[in-house]
Protein backbone atom coordinates (compact mmCIF):
# COMPACT_ATOMS: atom_id res chain seq x y z
CA UNK A 1 -14.06 22.40 -28.40
CA UNK A 2 -12.47 20.31 -25.66
CA UNK A 3 -11.78 21.77 -22.26
CA UNK A 4 -8.09 21.87 -21.20
CA UNK A 5 -7.11 19.54 -18.37
CA UNK A 6 -5.92 21.53 -15.39
CA UNK A 7 -3.10 19.21 -14.34
CA UNK A 8 -2.07 21.38 -11.41
CA UNK A 9 -5.57 21.30 -9.97
CA UNK A 10 -5.85 17.54 -10.47
CA UNK A 11 -2.48 17.01 -8.76
CA UNK A 12 -3.44 19.15 -5.77
CA UNK A 13 -6.80 17.39 -5.41
CA UNK A 14 -5.10 14.00 -5.60
CA UNK A 15 -2.54 14.96 -2.98
CA UNK A 16 -5.30 16.15 -0.66
CA UNK A 17 -7.23 12.90 -1.20
CA UNK A 18 -4.16 10.85 -0.30
CA UNK A 19 -3.54 12.99 2.79
CA UNK A 20 -7.13 12.47 3.92
CA UNK A 21 -7.01 8.72 3.37
CA UNK A 22 -3.66 8.40 5.09
CA UNK A 23 -5.13 10.15 8.12
CA UNK A 24 -8.17 7.85 8.04
CA UNK A 25 -6.00 4.75 7.79
CA UNK A 26 -3.95 5.85 10.79
CA UNK A 27 -6.72 6.88 13.14
CA UNK A 28 -9.90 5.45 11.63
CA UNK A 29 -13.13 6.88 10.27
CA UNK A 30 -15.80 4.28 10.87
CA UNK A 31 -18.58 6.03 8.94
CA UNK A 32 -16.40 5.73 5.82
CA UNK A 33 -15.36 2.13 6.66
CA UNK A 34 -11.84 3.08 7.71
CA UNK A 35 -10.61 1.31 10.84
CA UNK A 36 -7.45 1.94 12.90
CA UNK A 37 -4.61 -0.60 12.63
CA UNK A 38 -5.51 -3.73 14.56
CA UNK A 39 -1.92 -4.58 15.60
CA UNK A 40 1.31 -2.71 16.30
CA UNK A 41 3.00 -4.49 13.38
CA UNK A 42 0.43 -3.14 10.94
CA UNK A 43 0.67 0.31 12.53
CA UNK A 44 4.45 0.30 12.08
CA UNK A 45 4.15 -0.61 8.39
CA UNK A 46 1.42 1.98 7.88
CA UNK A 47 3.59 4.74 9.33
CA UNK A 48 6.44 3.65 7.05
CA UNK A 49 4.09 4.19 4.10
CA UNK A 50 3.10 7.55 5.54
CA UNK A 51 6.75 8.61 5.86
CA UNK A 52 7.42 7.64 2.24
CA UNK A 53 4.39 9.59 1.09
CA UNK A 54 5.47 12.67 3.03
CA UNK A 55 8.80 12.62 1.17
CA UNK A 56 7.08 12.25 -2.19
CA UNK A 57 4.45 14.88 -1.42
CA UNK A 58 7.16 17.41 -0.56
CA UNK A 59 8.60 17.00 -4.06
CA UNK A 60 5.20 17.01 -5.77
CA UNK A 61 4.22 20.21 -3.98
CA UNK A 62 7.43 22.01 -4.91
CA UNK A 63 8.64 23.58 -8.18
CA UNK A 64 7.69 21.46 -11.19
CA UNK A 65 10.48 20.58 -13.59
CA UNK A 66 11.86 17.62 -15.47
CA UNK A 67 14.41 17.15 -12.69
CA UNK A 68 11.77 17.05 -9.95
CA UNK A 69 9.78 14.57 -12.06
CA UNK A 70 12.80 12.30 -12.30
CA UNK A 71 13.27 12.53 -8.52
CA UNK A 72 9.63 11.63 -7.95
CA UNK A 73 9.87 8.62 -10.22
CA UNK A 74 12.94 7.30 -8.43
CA UNK A 75 11.41 7.80 -4.98
CA UNK A 76 8.01 6.41 -5.91
CA UNK A 77 9.55 2.93 -5.93
CA UNK A 78 10.19 3.29 -2.20
CA UNK A 79 6.54 4.18 -1.60
CA UNK A 80 5.39 1.24 -3.71
CA UNK A 81 7.65 -1.16 -1.78
CA UNK A 82 6.32 0.15 1.55
CA UNK A 83 2.73 -0.32 0.38
CA UNK A 84 3.44 -3.89 -0.76
CA UNK A 85 5.04 -4.66 2.63
CA UNK A 86 1.98 -3.22 4.42
CA UNK A 87 -0.40 -5.26 2.26
CA UNK A 88 1.57 -8.42 2.98
CA UNK A 89 1.39 -7.92 6.75
CA UNK A 90 -2.33 -7.08 6.61
CA UNK A 91 -3.15 -10.18 4.53
CA UNK A 92 -1.07 -12.44 6.79
CA UNK A 93 -2.55 -11.16 10.03
CA UNK A 94 -6.07 -10.97 8.64
CA UNK A 95 -5.77 -14.60 7.61
CA UNK A 96 -4.63 -15.54 11.11
CA UNK A 97 -7.49 -13.64 12.76
CA UNK A 98 -10.24 -14.42 10.24
CA UNK A 99 -9.43 -16.96 7.50
CA UNK A 100 -12.70 -16.19 5.70
CA UNK A 101 -11.60 -12.61 5.08
CA UNK A 102 -10.69 -12.22 1.38
CA UNK A 103 -7.65 -10.05 1.93
CA UNK A 104 -5.90 -11.17 -1.25
CA UNK A 105 -8.91 -10.23 -3.40
CA UNK A 106 -8.90 -6.72 -1.95
CA UNK A 107 -5.15 -6.40 -2.57
CA UNK A 108 -5.52 -7.50 -6.20
CA UNK A 109 -8.43 -5.10 -6.76
CA UNK A 110 -6.34 -2.21 -5.45
CA UNK A 111 -3.42 -3.33 -7.61
CA UNK A 112 -5.72 -2.93 -10.62
CA UNK A 113 -6.21 0.73 -9.71
CA UNK A 114 -2.44 1.22 -9.48
CA UNK A 115 -1.91 -0.50 -12.85
CA UNK A 116 -4.49 1.70 -14.59
CA UNK A 117 -2.84 4.83 -13.27
CA UNK A 118 0.63 3.49 -14.12
CA UNK A 119 -0.39 2.84 -17.74
CA UNK A 120 -1.75 6.35 -18.09
CA UNK A 121 1.38 7.84 -16.51
CA UNK A 122 3.73 5.81 -18.72
CA UNK A 123 1.81 6.70 -21.88
CA UNK A 124 2.37 10.37 -21.11
CA UNK A 125 6.01 9.88 -20.09
CA UNK A 126 6.92 8.09 -23.34
CA UNK A 127 6.97 11.56 -24.86
CA UNK A 128 10.03 12.35 -22.70
CA UNK A 129 12.79 10.01 -23.86
CA UNK A 130 15.15 11.15 -21.09
CA UNK A 131 12.92 9.52 -18.47
CA UNK A 132 13.54 6.02 -19.79
CA UNK A 133 9.88 4.98 -19.99
CA UNK A 134 9.13 2.78 -23.01
CA UNK A 135 6.17 1.08 -24.63
CA UNK A 136 7.36 -2.19 -23.07
CA UNK A 137 6.48 -0.79 -19.63
CA UNK A 138 2.93 -0.12 -20.81
CA UNK A 139 2.65 -3.58 -22.40
CA UNK A 140 3.80 -5.25 -19.17
CA UNK A 141 1.20 -3.34 -17.15
CA UNK A 142 -1.53 -4.25 -19.64
CA UNK A 143 -0.63 -7.92 -19.37
CA UNK A 144 -0.68 -7.78 -15.55
CA UNK A 145 -4.01 -5.95 -15.56
CA UNK A 146 -5.71 -8.56 -17.73
CA UNK A 147 -4.26 -11.44 -15.68
CA UNK A 148 -5.55 -9.82 -12.50
CA UNK A 149 -8.96 -9.24 -14.09
CA UNK A 150 -9.23 -12.93 -14.94
CA UNK A 151 -8.15 -13.83 -11.39
CA UNK A 152 -10.82 -11.60 -9.86
CA UNK A 153 -13.51 -12.99 -12.15
CA UNK A 154 -12.66 -16.69 -12.11
CA UNK A 155 -10.63 -17.10 -8.92
CA UNK A 156 -7.24 -18.65 -8.31
CA UNK A 157 -4.14 -18.16 -6.18
CA UNK A 158 -2.00 -15.04 -6.08
CA UNK A 159 1.10 -17.00 -5.12
CA UNK A 160 1.94 -20.66 -4.77
CA UNK A 161 1.61 -20.48 -1.02
CA UNK A 162 -1.04 -21.29 1.55
CA UNK A 163 -4.76 -20.83 1.04
CA UNK A 164 -4.55 -17.33 2.47
CA UNK A 165 -3.49 -16.10 -0.98
CA UNK A 166 -6.48 -17.68 -2.74
CA UNK A 167 -9.02 -15.49 -4.51
CA UNK A 168 -12.50 -16.98 -4.88
CA UNK A 169 -14.46 -16.54 -8.09
CA UNK A 170 -17.47 -14.23 -8.16
CA UNK A 171 -19.92 -16.26 -10.22
CA UNK A 172 -22.35 -16.40 -7.28
CA UNK A 173 -22.06 -12.71 -6.37
CA UNK A 174 -24.32 -10.71 -8.73
CA UNK A 175 -23.24 -7.33 -7.33
CA UNK A 176 -19.55 -8.10 -7.85
CA UNK A 177 -20.26 -9.50 -11.33
CA UNK A 178 -22.06 -6.33 -12.34
CA UNK A 179 -19.28 -4.10 -11.00
CA UNK A 180 -16.56 -6.12 -12.73
CA UNK A 181 -18.44 -6.15 -16.05
CA UNK A 182 -18.66 -2.37 -15.88
CA UNK A 183 -14.93 -2.19 -15.14
CA UNK A 184 -14.27 -4.50 -18.09
CA UNK A 185 -16.27 -2.27 -20.44
CA UNK A 186 -14.21 0.73 -19.42
CA UNK A 187 -11.00 -1.26 -19.90
CA UNK A 188 -12.05 -2.34 -23.39
CA UNK A 189 -12.52 1.33 -24.26
CA UNK A 190 -9.06 2.24 -22.96
CA UNK A 191 -7.14 -0.79 -24.24
CA UNK A 192 -7.07 0.04 -28.01
CA UNK A 193 -5.59 3.49 -27.41
CA UNK A 194 -2.86 2.04 -25.23
CA UNK A 195 -2.18 -0.71 -27.76
CA UNK A 196 -1.68 1.94 -30.41
CA UNK A 197 1.04 3.59 -28.28
CA UNK A 198 2.64 0.18 -27.62
CA UNK A 199 2.78 -0.66 -31.34
CA UNK A 200 4.48 2.61 -32.23
CA UNK A 201 1.74 5.09 -32.98
CA UNK A 202 2.70 8.65 -31.99
CA UNK A 203 1.52 9.86 -28.60
CA UNK A 204 -0.41 12.81 -29.97
CA UNK A 205 -2.26 15.31 -27.84
CA UNK A 206 -5.56 13.77 -28.91
CA UNK A 207 -4.37 10.24 -28.06
CA UNK A 208 -3.06 11.29 -24.65
CA UNK A 209 -6.27 13.15 -23.84
CA UNK A 210 -8.28 10.05 -24.73
CA UNK A 211 -6.01 7.92 -22.50
CA UNK A 212 -6.32 10.32 -19.55
CA UNK A 213 -10.10 10.57 -19.83
CA UNK A 214 -10.59 6.83 -20.42
CA UNK A 215 -8.30 6.00 -17.51
CA UNK A 216 -10.36 8.22 -15.22
CA UNK A 217 -13.51 6.30 -16.17
CA UNK A 218 -11.79 2.93 -15.78
CA UNK A 219 -10.39 3.91 -12.38
CA UNK A 220 -13.83 5.03 -11.21
CA UNK A 221 -15.38 1.69 -12.20
CA UNK A 222 -12.57 -0.38 -10.69
CA UNK A 223 -12.64 1.70 -7.51
CA UNK A 224 -16.34 0.85 -7.08
CA UNK A 225 -15.49 -2.85 -7.17
CA UNK A 226 -12.55 -2.45 -4.78
CA UNK A 227 -14.70 -0.43 -2.38
CA UNK A 228 -17.47 -3.03 -2.53
CA UNK A 229 -15.12 -5.86 -1.54
CA UNK A 230 -13.36 -3.79 1.07
CA UNK A 231 -16.52 -2.65 2.85
CA UNK A 232 -18.74 -5.71 2.36
CA UNK A 233 -16.11 -8.17 3.52
CA UNK A 234 -15.29 -6.01 6.51
CA UNK A 235 -18.88 -5.74 7.70
CA UNK A 236 -19.48 -9.48 7.40
CA UNK A 237 -16.13 -10.61 8.85
CA UNK A 238 -15.05 -8.99 12.10
CA UNK A 239 -11.39 -8.83 13.03
CA UNK A 240 -10.47 -10.18 16.47
CA UNK A 241 -8.91 -7.94 19.12
CA UNK A 242 -7.39 -9.97 21.93
CA UNK A 243 -7.27 -8.81 25.55
CA UNK A 244 -4.82 -10.60 27.84
CA UNK A 245 -6.68 -11.27 31.09
CA UNK A 246 -4.75 -12.81 34.01
CA UNK A 247 -7.25 -13.21 36.87
CA UNK A 248 -7.14 -14.99 40.25
CA UNK A 249 -8.93 -18.32 39.75
CA UNK A 250 -7.00 -19.66 42.76
CA UNK A 251 -4.91 -18.18 45.55
CA UNK A 252 -5.73 -15.87 48.45
CA UNK A 253 -8.65 -14.17 46.71
CA UNK A 254 -10.08 -16.53 44.04
CA UNK A 255 -12.53 -14.11 42.46
CA UNK A 256 -11.50 -15.01 38.92
CA UNK A 257 -14.66 -16.97 38.08
CA UNK A 258 -16.84 -13.94 38.81
CA UNK A 259 -14.49 -11.60 36.95
CA UNK A 260 -14.42 -13.90 33.92
CA UNK A 261 -18.22 -14.11 33.82
CA UNK A 262 -18.57 -10.31 33.91
CA UNK A 263 -15.87 -9.81 31.26
CA UNK A 264 -17.39 -12.38 28.92
CA UNK A 265 -20.84 -10.83 29.31
CA UNK A 266 -19.46 -7.39 28.38
CA UNK A 267 -17.47 -8.94 25.53
CA UNK A 268 -20.59 -10.63 24.16
CA UNK A 269 -22.67 -7.44 24.27
CA UNK A 270 -19.96 -5.35 22.59
CA UNK A 271 -19.43 -7.93 19.84
CA UNK A 272 -23.14 -8.39 19.20
CA UNK A 273 -24.22 -4.74 19.24
CA UNK A 274 -21.24 -3.39 17.24
CA UNK A 275 -21.67 0.09 18.70
CA UNK A 276 -18.32 0.57 20.46
CA UNK A 277 -15.93 -1.22 18.08
CA UNK A 278 -17.70 -1.59 14.71
CA UNK A 279 -15.92 -4.09 12.49
CA UNK A 280 -14.06 -5.74 15.37
CA UNK A 281 -14.78 -8.41 17.96
CA UNK A 282 -13.19 -8.65 21.39
CA UNK A 283 -11.75 -11.85 22.77
CA UNK A 284 -10.44 -12.28 26.31
CA UNK A 285 -7.60 -14.77 26.81
CA UNK A 286 -7.78 -15.80 30.48
CA UNK A 287 -4.94 -17.12 32.66
CA UNK A 288 -4.82 -17.92 36.36
CA UNK A 289 -2.42 -15.52 38.11
CA UNK A 290 -3.11 -17.21 41.47
CA UNK A 291 -3.45 -13.74 43.06
CA UNK A 292 0.34 -13.67 43.04
CA UNK A 293 2.47 -10.74 41.87
CA UNK A 294 5.28 -12.86 40.40
CA UNK A 295 2.90 -15.22 38.62
CA UNK A 296 0.96 -12.31 37.10
CA UNK A 297 4.11 -10.72 35.70
CA UNK A 298 5.29 -14.08 34.36
CA UNK A 299 1.99 -14.60 32.52
CA UNK A 300 2.15 -11.16 30.92
CA UNK A 301 5.77 -11.45 29.80
CA UNK A 302 5.36 -15.02 28.52
CA UNK A 303 2.24 -14.22 26.51
CA UNK A 304 3.66 -11.00 25.03
CA UNK A 305 6.81 -12.81 23.94
CA UNK A 306 4.74 -15.57 22.35
CA UNK A 307 2.64 -13.26 20.14
CA UNK A 308 2.04 -9.57 19.47
CA UNK A 309 -1.72 -9.66 18.88
CA UNK A 310 -2.76 -8.47 22.35
CA UNK A 311 -4.09 -4.92 22.31
CA UNK A 312 -4.54 -4.50 26.07
CA UNK A 313 -4.10 -6.06 29.49
CA UNK A 314 -7.33 -6.54 31.43
CA UNK A 315 -8.08 -8.40 34.66
CA UNK A 316 -5.68 -8.68 37.63
CA UNK A 317 -7.80 -8.33 40.74
CA UNK A 318 -5.20 -8.54 43.52
CA UNK A 319 -3.52 -5.32 44.58
CA UNK A 320 0.00 -6.73 44.88
CA UNK A 321 -0.30 -8.19 41.36
CA UNK A 322 -1.43 -4.82 40.01
CA UNK A 323 1.52 -3.07 41.63
CA UNK A 324 4.02 -5.54 40.18
CA UNK A 325 2.56 -5.71 36.67
CA UNK A 326 1.83 -2.00 36.16
CA UNK A 327 5.47 -1.21 35.41
CA UNK A 328 5.74 -4.23 33.10
CA UNK A 329 2.69 -3.16 31.09
CA UNK A 330 3.96 0.41 30.91
CA UNK A 331 7.40 -0.66 29.65
CA UNK A 332 5.91 -2.68 26.79
CA UNK A 333 3.33 0.02 26.03
CA UNK A 334 0.37 -2.23 26.78
CA UNK A 335 -2.75 -0.41 28.07
CA UNK A 336 -3.63 -1.83 31.50
CA UNK A 337 -7.15 -1.85 32.93
CA UNK A 338 -7.54 -3.64 36.25
CA UNK A 339 -10.92 -5.15 37.18
CA UNK A 340 -10.40 -4.58 40.94
CA UNK A 341 -7.08 -3.95 42.77
CA UNK A 342 -8.37 -2.01 45.76
CA UNK A 343 -6.19 0.73 47.20
CA UNK A 344 -7.31 -0.48 50.66
CA UNK A 345 -4.46 -3.01 50.47
CA UNK A 346 -2.00 -0.74 48.66
CA UNK A 347 -2.81 2.97 48.99
CA UNK A 348 -0.07 3.85 46.48
CA UNK A 349 -2.22 2.40 43.70
CA UNK A 350 -4.24 5.62 43.90
CA UNK A 351 -1.11 7.68 43.25
CA UNK A 352 -1.19 8.58 39.56
CA UNK A 353 2.42 9.77 39.73
CA UNK A 354 3.61 6.35 40.90
CA UNK A 355 1.25 4.47 38.56
CA UNK A 356 0.50 6.88 35.67
CA UNK A 357 -0.54 4.16 33.21
CA UNK A 358 -2.72 2.01 35.49
CA UNK A 359 -6.49 2.31 35.31
CA UNK A 360 -8.50 0.54 38.02
CA UNK A 361 -12.18 -0.37 38.08
CA UNK A 362 -14.02 -2.10 40.88
CA UNK A 363 -15.77 -1.60 44.18
CA UNK A 364 -14.88 1.50 46.20
CA UNK A 365 -14.82 0.35 49.83
CA UNK A 366 -13.56 3.47 51.63
CA UNK A 367 -17.09 4.79 52.46
CA UNK A 368 -18.15 1.48 54.05
CA UNK A 369 -17.69 2.72 57.63
CA UNK A 370 -19.89 5.76 56.99
CA UNK A 371 -22.57 3.55 55.45
CA UNK A 372 -22.52 1.24 58.47
CA UNK A 373 -22.68 4.28 60.77
CA UNK A 374 -25.91 5.43 59.05
CA UNK A 375 -27.37 1.92 59.25
CA UNK A 376 -26.34 1.65 62.92
CA UNK A 377 -28.05 4.92 63.79
CA UNK A 378 -31.19 3.74 62.00
CA UNK A 379 -31.34 0.30 63.64
CA UNK A 380 -29.85 1.16 67.03
CA UNK A 381 -26.54 -0.72 66.61
CA UNK A 382 -23.82 0.04 69.13
CA UNK A 383 -21.23 -2.70 68.52
CA UNK A 384 -19.43 -3.76 65.31
CA UNK A 385 -17.50 -6.99 64.90
CA UNK A 386 -14.89 -7.10 62.11
CA UNK A 387 -14.11 -10.53 60.62
CA UNK A 388 -11.29 -11.33 58.21
CA UNK A 389 -9.39 -14.19 56.70
CA UNK A 390 -5.65 -14.65 57.23
CA UNK A 391 -4.80 -12.38 60.18
CA UNK A 392 -1.21 -11.88 58.97
CA UNK A 393 -2.54 -10.27 55.80
CA UNK A 394 -5.65 -8.43 56.92
CA UNK A 395 -4.92 -7.33 60.51
CA UNK A 396 -3.56 -3.92 59.53
CA UNK A 397 -6.66 -3.06 57.49
CA UNK A 398 -8.96 -4.52 60.16
CA UNK A 399 -7.30 -2.41 62.87
CA UNK A 400 -7.75 0.70 60.73
CA UNK A 401 -11.46 -0.06 60.32
CA UNK A 402 -11.81 -0.84 64.02
CA UNK A 403 -10.32 2.54 64.93
CA UNK A 404 -12.62 4.25 62.43
CA UNK A 405 -15.74 2.62 63.88
CA UNK A 406 -14.69 3.58 67.41
CA UNK A 407 -14.19 7.18 66.31
CA UNK A 408 -17.77 7.11 65.01
CA UNK A 409 -19.10 6.06 68.43
CA UNK A 410 -19.26 2.26 68.09
CA UNK A 411 -17.58 -0.25 70.30
CA UNK A 412 -15.66 -2.67 68.06
CA UNK A 413 -13.70 -5.91 68.10
CA UNK A 414 -11.74 -7.91 65.56
CA UNK A 415 -11.97 -11.68 65.03
CA UNK A 416 -10.09 -13.94 62.64
CA UNK A 417 -10.66 -17.71 62.51
CA UNK A 418 -8.26 -20.22 60.99
CA UNK A 419 -8.89 -19.47 57.33
CA UNK A 420 -9.03 -23.00 55.92
CA UNK A 421 -10.59 -24.66 58.99
CA UNK A 422 -14.37 -24.77 58.60
CA UNK A 423 -14.88 -25.97 62.17
CA UNK A 424 -12.99 -22.92 63.44
CA UNK A 425 -15.13 -20.62 61.30
CA UNK A 426 -18.34 -22.36 62.44
CA UNK A 427 -17.34 -22.13 66.10
CA UNK A 428 -16.54 -18.43 65.80
CA UNK A 429 -19.86 -17.64 64.13
CA UNK A 430 -21.78 -19.60 66.79
CA UNK A 431 -20.04 -17.60 69.50
CA UNK A 432 -20.88 -14.32 67.77
CA UNK A 433 -24.51 -15.40 67.41
CA UNK A 434 -24.83 -16.23 71.10
CA UNK A 435 -23.06 -13.08 72.28
CA UNK A 436 -25.19 -10.76 70.16
CA UNK A 437 -28.64 -12.18 70.81
CA UNK A 438 -31.10 -9.40 71.48
CA UNK A 439 -28.54 -6.70 70.78
């Protein structure tokens, strides 16, 4: 005696599965090979799918009637369209970031799952003439399924467009061949029962049960193949995450070379170890901001208008550039991590109310006077000479440090040579050497 199919339980389990996967797609679950959206465009499309599903789930979870079923069928087209739009964006951007990623193959494999479920649904709905589902709908899905199966096995192009829509054959992939042969066996078991419905045989309880059970087996086999391609391709092809990095290669404080070296070293370690961002690789895009506030903002705005693939703003070592660009980054919702930007030159940078979205990393210089005090006590120093570059820029800070040293018991003086005159610098250092001999 066959066991009745608890449709309510199956529906509730399916809804919960979709809820879980939707959550994983949005926020990621790396241990299950789910990764957060890599761009804002993909995130927007994903949340459109989520909104459509929420509408459909509300109906599915409510009172069950022929009327609610009709409403679900009409609204499911909106969900399908949103999913297709999401897949299109993912394939396009994946191709741009990593042309070797077989996005189209994964899309086709997932379409096979949808077709199997659609054929099972339509076979059941043919018993309700008021719903307008006919055997022609099943026949069309069967034809699409077999065409897709051939495409996945032998390769070809999904559309007559660029190579990004190509699907490679699997003749040299024994794992994929085995999975697809298993899926084909399950399809060959399901196909005759569907063909009987298409050719006019009555949709008896026995026939529908066979279709439901055979579809479940076929979906399980096809899902194994889709999962294999989705996870294997992802672990062998990392998606690129770009960080916009304007740094001062020239200008008043040309520390950009050092900053670039450190950033590239960190980038290399993260990409190689795959511990922090599994499945992704970081890529810095460097620009010279000339240690200039206006130039830094121009770089950020120009790059963000040119493309939307940047996930963060990193770099910017000069305090005035940080201050100018922080509001720009905040307005375009771009996370901003500075590699220096000392508050010594702009104390307001430490004010999280003024700059709530700016994160700064770098050398903390405020304790330097206390450190020198300890060293002076240890070595018997009594006099401190402060040297800076351009006096018009650094005099205020130098005077503050001079006052601090004097309050700690040192005598102190401030010197500033002509910044770009090496002879002036050499003369000043010679004078300091002579005046401090034996002291």
